[in-house]
Amino acid sequence: LWPLARQPARSLSGGERQRLALARAWALRPRILYLDEPT
């Protein structure tokens, strides 16, 4: 998603927003990640 780094998050497609949400969660380095209906 780096090419979209400066793009408003709310303007992204549904799939891009979900990948951004995953990236945002993974950046926290969680030991466990809960995903509710990710696709």
All heavy atoms as atom14 arrays in JSON, in Angstrom:
{
  "sequence": "LWPLARQPARSLSGGERQRLALARAWALRPRILYLDEPT",
  "atom14_mask": [
    [1, 1, 1, 1, 1, 1, 1, 1, 0, 0, 0, 0, 0, 0],
    [1, 1, 1, 1, 1, 1, 1, 1, 1, 1, 1, 1, 1, 1],
    [1, 1, 1, 1, 1, 1, 1, 0, 0, 0, 0, 0, 0, 0],
    [1, 1, 1, 1, 1, 1, 1, 1, 0, 0, 0, 0, 0, 0],
    [1, 1, 1, 1, 1, 0, 0, 0, 0, 0, 0, 0, 0, 0],
    [1, 1, 1, 1, 1, 1, 1, 1, 1, 1, 1, 0, 0, 0],
    [1, 1, 1, 1, 1, 1, 1, 1, 1, 0, 0, 0, 0, 0],
    [1, 1, 1, 1, 1, 1, 1, 0, 0, 0, 0, 0, 0, 0],
    [1, 1, 1, 1, 1, 0, 0, 0, 0, 0, 0, 0, 0, 0],
    [1, 1, 1, 1, 1, 1, 1, 1, 1, 1, 1, 0, 0, 0],
    [1, 1, 1, 1, 1, 1, 0, 0, 0, 0, 0, 0, 0, 0],
    [1, 1, 1, 1, 1, 1, 1, 1, 0, 0, 0, 0, 0, 0],
    [1, 1, 1, 1, 1, 1, 0, 0, 0, 0, 0, 0, 0, 0],
    [1, 1, 1, 1, 0, 0, 0, 0, 0, 0, 0, 0, 0, 0],
    [1, 1, 1, 1, 0, 0, 0, 0, 0, 0, 0, 0, 0, 0],
    [1, 1, 1, 1, 1, 1, 1, 1, 1, 0, 0, 0, 0, 0],
    [1, 1, 1, 1, 1, 1, 1, 1, 1, 1, 1, 0, 0, 0],
    [1, 1, 1, 1, 1, 1, 1, 1, 1, 0, 0, 0, 0, 0],
    [1, 1, 1, 1, 1, 1, 1, 1, 1, 1, 1, 0, 0, 0],
    [1, 1, 1, 1, 1, 1, 1, 1, 0, 0, 0, 0, 0, 0],
    [1, 1, 1, 1, 1, 0, 0, 0, 0, 0, 0, 0, 0, 0],
    [1, 1, 1, 1, 1, 1, 1, 1, 0, 0, 0, 0, 0, 0],
    [1, 1, 1, 1, 1, 0, 0, 0, 0, 0, 0, 0, 0, 0],
    [1, 1, 1, 1, 1, 1, 1, 1, 1, 1, 1, 0, 0, 0],
    [1, 1, 1, 1, 1, 0, 0, 0, 0, 0, 0, 0, 0, 0],
    [1, 1, 1, 1, 1, 1, 1, 1, 1, 1, 1, 1, 1, 1],
    [1, 1, 1, 1, 1, 0, 0, 0, 0, 0, 0, 0, 0, 0],
    [1, 1, 1, 1, 1, 1, 1, 1, 0, 0, 0, 0, 0, 0],
    [1, 1, 1, 1, 1, 1, 1, 1, 1, 1, 1, 0, 0, 0],
    [1, 1, 1, 1, 1, 1, 1, 0, 0, 0, 0, 0, 0, 0],
    [1, 1, 1, 1, 1, 1, 1, 1, 1, 1, 1, 0, 0, 0],
    [1, 1, 1, 1, 1, 1, 1, 1, 0, 0, 0, 0, 0, 0],
    [1, 1, 1, 1, 1, 1, 1, 1, 0, 0, 0, 0, 0, 0],
    [1, 1, 1, 1, 1, 1, 1, 1, 1, 1, 1, 1, 0, 0],
    [1, 1, 1, 1, 1, 1, 1, 1, 0, 0, 0, 0, 0, 0],
    [1, 1, 1, 1, 1, 1, 1, 1, 0, 0, 0, 0, 0, 0],
    [1, 1, 1, 1, 1, 1, 1, 1, 1, 0, 0, 0, 0, 0],
    [1, 1, 1, 1, 1, 1, 1, 0, 0, 0, 0, 0, 0, 0],
    [1, 1, 1, 1, 1, 1, 1, 0, 0, 0, 0, 0, 0, 0]
  ],
  "atom14_positions": [
    [[0.8, -1.22, 0.0], [0.0, 0.0, 0.0], [0.84, 1.28, 0.0], [0.28, 2.37, 0.1], [-0.93, 0.02, 1.23], [-2.01, -1.06, 1.27], [-2.72, -1.04, 2.63], [-3.01, -0.87, 0.15], [0.0, 0.0, 0.0], [0.0, 0.0, 0.0], [0.0, 0.0, 0.0], [0.0, 0.0, 0.0], [0.0, 0.0, 0.0], [0.0, 0.0, 0.0]],
    [[2.16, 1.15, -0.11], [2.98, 2.35, -0.03], [2.63, 3.4, -1.09], [2.61, 4.6, -0.78], [4.46, 1.99, -0.11], [5.33, 3.21, -0.01], [6.11, 3.76, -0.99], [5.46, 4.07, 1.13], [6.72, 4.9, -0.53], [6.34, 5.11, 0.77], [4.92, 4.04, 2.42], [6.69, 6.12, 1.64], [5.26, 5.05, 3.3], [6.15, 6.09, 2.91]],
    [[2.28, 3.02, -2.32], [1.9, 4.05, -3.3], [0.67, 4.85, -2.87], [0.42, 5.93, -3.42], [1.61, 3.23, -4.57], [2.43, 1.99, -4.41], [2.38, 1.68, -2.95], [0.0, 0.0, 0.0], [0.0, 0.0, 0.0], [0.0, 0.0, 0.0], [0.0, 0.0, 0.0], [0.0, 0.0, 0.0], [0.0, 0.0, 0.0], [0.0, 0.0, 0.0]],
    [[-0.09, 4.34, -1.92], [-1.31, 5.01, -1.46], [-1.11, 5.68, -0.11], [-2.08, 6.1, 0.53], [-2.45, 4.0, -1.35], [-2.76, 3.18, -2.61], [-3.84, 2.16, -2.33], [-3.16, 4.09, -3.76], [0.0, 0.0, 0.0], [0.0, 0.0, 0.0], [0.0, 0.0, 0.0], [0.0, 0.0, 0.0], [0.0, 0.0, 0.0], [0.0, 0.0, 0.0]],
    [[0.15, 5.84, 0.31], [0.43, 6.32, 1.67], [-0.21, 7.67, 1.96], [-0.69, 7.92, 3.09], [1.94, 6.4, 1.9], [0.0, 0.0, 0.0], [0.0, 0.0, 0.0], [0.0, 0.0, 0.0], [0.0, 0.0, 0.0], [0.0, 0.0, 0.0], [0.0, 0.0, 0.0], [0.0, 0.0, 0.0], [0.0, 0.0, 0.0], [0.0, 0.0, 0.0]],
    [[-0.24, 8.58, 0.99], [-0.78, 9.92, 1.21], [-2.24, 10.05, 0.8], [-2.84, 11.11, 1.0], [0.05, 10.95, 0.44], [1.54, 10.92, 0.77], [1.81, 11.3, 2.2], [3.22, 11.2, 2.55], [3.72, 11.39, 3.77], [2.89, 11.68, 4.77], [5.01, 11.27, 4.0], [0.0, 0.0, 0.0], [0.0, 0.0, 0.0], [0.0, 0.0, 0.0]],
    [[-2.79, 9.0, 0.25], [-4.18, 9.07, -0.21], [-5.12, 8.99, 0.98], [-4.89, 8.22, 1.92], [-4.47, 7.91, -1.18], [-5.83, 8.0, -1.85], [-5.94, 7.06, -3.02], [-4.96, 6.83, -3.73], [-7.13, 6.51, -3.22], [0.0, 0.0, 0.0], [0.0, 0.0, 0.0], [0.0, 0.0, 0.0], [0.0, 0.0, 0.0], [0.0, 0.0, 0.0]],
    [[-6.2, 9.79, 1.0], [-7.15, 9.7, 2.11], [-7.67, 8.28, 2.28], [-8.13, 7.65, 1.32], [-8.27, 10.66, 1.68], [-7.6, 11.64, 0.78], [-6.56, 10.84, 0.03], [0.0, 0.0, 0.0], [0.0, 0.0, 0.0], [0.0, 0.0, 0.0], [0.0, 0.0, 0.0], [0.0, 0.0, 0.0], [0.0, 0.0, 0.0], [0.0, 0.0, 0.0]],
    [[-7.6, 7.78, 3.5], [-7.95, 6.38, 3.74], [-9.4, 6.09, 3.36], [-9.72, 5.0, 2.89], [-7.7, 6.04, 5.2], [0.0, 0.0, 0.0], [0.0, 0.0, 0.0], [0.0, 0.0, 0.0], [0.0, 0.0, 0.0], [0.0, 0.0, 0.0], [0.0, 0.0, 0.0], [0.0, 0.0, 0.0], [0.0, 0.0, 0.0], [0.0, 0.0, 0.0]],
    [[-10.28, 7.07, 3.56], [-11.69, 6.84, 3.29], [-12.01, 6.82, 1.8], [-13.11, 6.45, 1.41], [-12.54, 7.88, 4.0], [-12.48, 7.75, 5.52], [-13.43, 8.7, 6.21], [-13.39, 8.52, 7.66], [-14.21, 9.14, 8.51], [-15.12, 9.99, 8.05], [-14.12, 8.93, 9.81], [0.0, 0.0, 0.0], [0.0, 0.0, 0.0], [0.0, 0.0, 0.0]],
    [[-11.05, 7.19, 0.97], [-11.26, 7.14, -0.48], [-10.77, 5.83, -1.09], [-10.96, 5.6, -2.29], [-10.54, 8.31, -1.17], [-9.12, 8.1, -1.16], [0.0, 0.0, 0.0], [0.0, 0.0, 0.0], [0.0, 0.0, 0.0], [0.0, 0.0, 0.0], [0.0, 0.0, 0.0], [0.0, 0.0, 0.0], [0.0, 0.0, 0.0], [0.0, 0.0, 0.0]],
    [[-10.17, 4.96, -0.28], [-9.66, 3.69, -0.79], [-10.81, 2.74, -1.08], [-11.91, 2.86, -0.53], [-8.71, 3.06, 0.23], [-7.47, 3.87, 0.61], [-6.67, 3.12, 1.67], [-6.61, 4.18, -0.6], [0.0, 0.0, 0.0], [0.0, 0.0, 0.0], [0.0, 0.0, 0.0], [0.0, 0.0, 0.0], [0.0, 0.0, 0.0], [0.0, 0.0, 0.0]],
    [[-10.54, 1.75, -1.91], [-11.54, 0.71, -2.18], [-11.73, -0.14, -0.93], [-10.93, -0.1, 0.02], [-11.08, -0.17, -3.34], [-9.96, -0.96, -2.95], [0.0, 0.0, 0.0], [0.0, 0.0, 0.0], [0.0, 0.0, 0.0], [0.0, 0.0, 0.0], [0.0, 0.0, 0.0], [0.0, 0.0, 0.0], [0.0, 0.0, 0.0], [0.0, 0.0, 0.0]],
    [[-12.78, -0.96, -0.94], [-13.04, -1.82, 0.21], [-11.88, -2.76, 0.52], [-11.49, -2.92, 1.68], [0.0, 0.0, 0.0], [0.0, 0.0, 0.0], [0.0, 0.0, 0.0], [0.0, 0.0, 0.0], [0.0, 0.0, 0.0], [0.0, 0.0, 0.0], [0.0, 0.0, 0.0], [0.0, 0.0, 0.0], [0.0, 0.0, 0.0], [0.0, 0.0, 0.0]],
    [[-11.31, -3.37, -0.52], [-10.18, -4.26, -0.3], [-8.95, -3.53, 0.2], [-8.23, -4.04, 1.06], [0.0, 0.0, 0.0], [0.0, 0.0, 0.0], [0.0, 0.0, 0.0], [0.0, 0.0, 0.0], [0.0, 0.0, 0.0], [0.0, 0.0, 0.0], [0.0, 0.0, 0.0], [0.0, 0.0, 0.0], [0.0, 0.0, 0.0], [0.0, 0.0, 0.0]],
    [[-8.71, -2.33, -0.32], [-7.56, -1.54, 0.14], [-7.75, -1.11, 1.59], [-6.79, -1.12, 2.37], [-7.38, -0.33, -0.77], [-6.87, -0.68, -2.16], [-7.03, 0.45, -3.15], [-7.78, 1.42, -2.86], [-6.42, 0.37, -4.24], [0.0, 0.0, 0.0], [0.0, 0.0, 0.0], [0.0, 0.0, 0.0], [0.0, 0.0, 0.0], [0.0, 0.0, 0.0]],
    [[-8.96, -0.73, 1.95], [-9.22, -0.35, 3.35], [-9.0, -1.53, 4.28], [-8.46, -1.38, 5.38], [-10.64, 0.2, 3.51], [-10.83, 1.59, 2.96], [-12.1, 2.24, 3.5], [-13.28, 1.47, 3.19], [-14.0, 1.6, 2.09], [-13.63, 2.49, 1.16], [-15.08, 0.88, 1.88], [0.0, 0.0, 0.0], [0.0, 0.0, 0.0], [0.0, 0.0, 0.0]],
    [[-9.41, -2.71, 3.86], [-9.23, -3.88, 4.72], [-7.75, -4.21, 4.85], [-7.28, -4.55, 5.95], [-10.0, -5.07, 4.15], [-10.17, -6.22, 5.13], [-11.13, -5.91, 6.26], [-11.57, -4.78, 6.44], [-11.44, -6.91, 7.06], [0.0, 0.0, 0.0], [0.0, 0.0, 0.0], [0.0, 0.0, 0.0], [0.0, 0.0, 0.0], [0.0, 0.0, 0.0]],
    [[-6.98, -4.09, 3.77], [-5.53, -4.32, 3.87], [-4.87, -3.24, 4.72], [-3.93, -3.53, 5.47], [-4.92, -4.35, 2.47], [-5.2, -5.67, 1.73], [-5.06, -5.53, 0.24], [-3.74, -5.02, -0.14], [-3.5, -4.35, -1.25], [-4.5, -4.07, -2.1], [-2.29, -3.93, -1.53], [0.0, 0.0, 0.0], [0.0, 0.0, 0.0], [0.0, 0.0, 0.0]],
    [[-5.37, -2.01, 4.64], [-4.84, -0.96, 5.51], [-5.15, -1.26, 6.97], [-4.3, -1.07, 7.84], [-5.43, 0.39, 5.11], [-5.04, 1.59, 5.99], [-3.53, 1.76, 6.05], [-5.71, 2.87, 5.47], [0.0, 0.0, 0.0], [0.0, 0.0, 0.0], [0.0, 0.0, 0.0], [0.0, 0.0, 0.0], [0.0, 0.0, 0.0], [0.0, 0.0, 0.0]],
    [[-6.35, -1.75, 7.24], [-6.69, -2.12, 8.62], [-5.77, -3.24, 9.12], [-5.33, -3.23, 10.28], [-8.15, -2.55, 8.7], [0.0, 0.0, 0.0], [0.0, 0.0, 0.0], [0.0, 0.0, 0.0], [0.0, 0.0, 0.0], [0.0, 0.0, 0.0], [0.0, 0.0, 0.0], [0.0, 0.0, 0.0], [0.0, 0.0, 0.0], [0.0, 0.0, 0.0]],
    [[-5.45, -4.2, 8.25], [-4.52, -5.26, 8.63], [-3.13, -4.7, 8.88], [-2.46, -5.07, 9.85], [-4.48, -6.33, 7.54], [-5.7, -7.24, 7.43], [-5.67, -8.01, 6.12], [-5.77, -8.19, 8.61], [0.0, 0.0, 0.0], [0.0, 0.0, 0.0], [0.0, 0.0, 0.0], [0.0, 0.0, 0.0], [0.0, 0.0, 0.0], [0.0, 0.0, 0.0]],
    [[-2.67, -3.8, 8.01], [-1.36, -3.19, 8.19], [-1.31, -2.38, 9.48], [-0.31, -2.41, 10.21], [-1.03, -2.29, 6.99], [0.0, 0.0, 0.0], [0.0, 0.0, 0.0], [0.0, 0.0, 0.0], [0.0, 0.0, 0.0], [0.0, 0.0, 0.0], [0.0, 0.0, 0.0], [0.0, 0.0, 0.0], [0.0, 0.0, 0.0], [0.0, 0.0, 0.0]],
    [[-2.37, -1.66, 9.77], [-2.44, -0.85, 10.98], [-2.37, -1.73, 12.22], [-1.7, -1.4, 13.2], [-3.75, -0.05, 10.95], [-3.93, 0.94, 12.07], [-5.13, 1.84, 11.81], [-6.39, 1.08, 11.72], [-7.56, 1.64, 11.41], [-7.64, 2.94, 11.14], [-8.65, 0.9, 11.35], [0.0, 0.0, 0.0], [0.0, 0.0, 0.0], [0.0, 0.0, 0.0]],
    [[-3.05, -2.87, 12.17], [-3.0, -3.79, 13.31], [-1.64, -4.47, 13.42], [-1.07, -4.57, 14.51], [-4.09, -4.85, 13.16], [0.0, 0.0, 0.0], [0.0, 0.0, 0.0], [0.0, 0.0, 0.0], [0.0, 0.0, 0.0], [0.0, 0.0, 0.0], [0.0, 0.0, 0.0], [0.0, 0.0, 0.0], [0.0, 0.0, 0.0], [0.0, 0.0, 0.0]],
    [[-1.09, -4.9, 12.27], [0.19, -5.61, 12.33], [1.33, -4.7, 12.78], [2.28, -5.17, 13.43], [0.51, -6.22, 10.96], [1.77, -7.02, 11.0], [1.93, -8.28, 11.48], [3.07, -6.59, 10.56], [3.25, -8.66, 11.36], [3.97, -7.65, 10.82], [3.55, -5.42, 9.99], [5.32, -7.56, 10.49], [4.89, -5.33, 9.67], [5.76, -6.4, 9.92]],
    [[1.24, -3.41, 12.48], [2.29, -2.47, 12.91], [2.44, -2.45, 14.43], [3.5, -2.12, 14.95], [1.97, -1.07, 12.4], [0.0, 0.0, 0.0], [0.0, 0.0, 0.0], [0.0, 0.0, 0.0], [0.0, 0.0, 0.0], [0.0, 0.0, 0.0], [0.0, 0.0, 0.0], [0.0, 0.0, 0.0], [0.0, 0.0, 0.0], [0.0, 0.0, 0.0]],
    [[1.38, -2.83, 15.15], [1.43, -2.87, 16.61], [2.19, -4.09, 17.13], [2.43, -4.2, 18.33], [0.01, -2.86, 17.18], [-0.86, -1.66, 16.79], [-2.29, -1.87, 17.29], [-0.28, -0.38, 17.36], [0.0, 0.0, 0.0], [0.0, 0.0, 0.0], [0.0, 0.0, 0.0], [0.0, 0.0, 0.0], [0.0, 0.0, 0.0], [0.0, 0.0, 0.0]],
    [[2.53, -5.0, 16.24], [3.24, -6.24, 16.6], [2.46, -7.05, 17.64], [3.0, -7.47, 18.67], [4.65, -5.96, 17.11], [5.54, -5.18, 16.16], [5.81, -5.98, 14.88], [6.86, -5.36, 14.1], [6.67, -4.48, 13.13], [5.44, -4.11, 12.83], [7.69, -3.98, 12.47], [0.0, 0.0, 0.0], [0.0, 0.0, 0.0], [0.0, 0.0, 0.0]],
    [[1.17, -7.32, 17.39], [0.4, -8.11, 18.37], [0.84, -9.56, 18.36], [1.29, -10.09, 17.34], [-1.04, -7.96, 17.87], [-0.88, -7.82, 16.38], [0.38, -6.99, 16.2], [0.0, 0.0, 0.0], [0.0, 0.0, 0.0], [0.0, 0.0, 0.0], [0.0, 0.0, 0.0], [0.0, 0.0, 0.0], [0.0, 0.0, 0.0], [0.0, 0.0, 0.0]],
    [[0.71, -10.21, 19.49], [0.98, -11.65, 19.56], [-0.18, -12.44, 18.97], [-0.02, -13.55, 18.5], [1.21, -12.1, 21.0], [2.15, -11.23, 21.83], [3.54, -11.09, 21.25], [4.46, -10.62, 22.27], [4.8, -9.36, 22.46], [4.27, -8.41, 21.69], [5.65, -9.02, 23.42], [0.0, 0.0, 0.0], [0.0, 0.0, 0.0], [0.0, 0.0, 0.0]],
    [[-1.39, -11.84, 19.07], [-2.58, -12.5, 18.54], [-3.44, -11.46, 17.84], [-3.57, -10.33, 18.32], [-3.35, -13.24, 19.66], [-4.5, -14.07, 19.09], [-3.84, -12.28, 20.72], [-5.07, -15.06, 20.11], [0.0, 0.0, 0.0], [0.0, 0.0, 0.0], [0.0, 0.0, 0.0], [0.0, 0.0, 0.0], [0.0, 0.0, 0.0], [0.0, 0.0, 0.0]],
    [[-3.99, -11.82, 16.68], [-4.78, -10.9, 15.88], [-6.14, -11.52, 15.63], [-6.24, -12.61, 15.05], [-4.09, -10.6, 14.55], [-4.82, -9.68, 13.57], [-5.09, -8.32, 14.19], [-4.0, -9.53, 12.28], [0.0, 0.0, 0.0], [0.0, 0.0, 0.0], [0.0, 0.0, 0.0], [0.0, 0.0, 0.0], [0.0, 0.0, 0.0], [0.0, 0.0, 0.0]],
    [[-7.2, -10.83, 16.08], [-8.57, -11.27, 15.85], [-9.1, -10.61, 14.58], [-9.02, -9.38, 14.43], [-9.46, -10.87, 17.04], [-8.98, -11.38, 18.37], [-8.57, -10.5, 19.36], [-8.94, -12.74, 18.65], [-8.14, -10.95, 20.6], [-8.5, -13.21, 19.88], [-8.1, -12.31, 20.85], [-7.67, -12.76, 22.07], [0.0, 0.0, 0.0], [0.0, 0.0, 0.0]],
    [[-9.69, -11.4, 13.7], [-10.2, -10.9, 12.42], [-11.66, -11.31, 12.3], [-11.98, -12.51, 12.31], [-9.4, -11.5, 11.25], [-7.89, -11.3, 11.28], [-7.24, -12.07, 10.13], [-7.54, -9.82, 11.19], [0.0, 0.0, 0.0], [0.0, 0.0, 0.0], [0.0, 0.0, 0.0], [0.0, 0.0, 0.0], [0.0, 0.0, 0.0], [0.0, 0.0, 0.0]],
    [[-12.54, -10.32, 12.16], [-13.96, -10.59, 12.05], [-14.4, -10.45, 10.6], [-14.45, -9.34, 10.07], [-14.75, -9.63, 12.95], [-16.23, -9.98, 13.01], [-16.57, -11.16, 12.75], [-17.04, -9.09, 13.31], [0.0, 0.0, 0.0], [0.0, 0.0, 0.0], [0.0, 0.0, 0.0], [0.0, 0.0, 0.0], [0.0, 0.0, 0.0], [0.0, 0.0, 0.0]],
    [[-14.67, -11.58, 9.94], [-15.13, -11.6, 8.55], [-14.27, -10.7, 7.65], [-14.76, -9.76, 7.03], [-16.59, -11.16, 8.48], [-17.56, -12.07, 9.21], [-17.89, -13.34, 8.44], [-17.35, -13.52, 7.34], [-18.69, -14.15, 8.95], [0.0, 0.0, 0.0], [0.0, 0.0, 0.0], [0.0, 0.0, 0.0], [0.0, 0.0, 0.0], [0.0, 0.0, 0.0]],
    [[-12.98, -10.98, 7.55], [-12.08, -10.04, 6.87], [-12.31, -9.91, 5.37], [-11.84, -8.94, 4.77], [-10.69, -10.61, 7.16], [-10.92, -12.07, 7.4], [-12.26, -12.14, 8.08], [0.0, 0.0, 0.0], [0.0, 0.0, 0.0], [0.0, 0.0, 0.0], [0.0, 0.0, 0.0], [0.0, 0.0, 0.0], [0.0, 0.0, 0.0], [0.0, 0.0, 0.0]],
    [[-12.99, -10.88, 4.74], [-13.21, -10.78, 3.29], [-14.69, -10.6, 2.94], [-15.05, -10.7, 1.77], [-12.67, -12.03, 2.56], [-13.4, -13.19, 2.99], [-11.2, -12.22, 2.83], [0.0, 0.0, 0.0], [0.0, 0.0, 0.0], [0.0, 0.0, 0.0], [0.0, 0.0, 0.0], [0.0, 0.0, 0.0], [0.0, 0.0, 0.0], [0.0, 0.0, 0.0]]
  ]
}
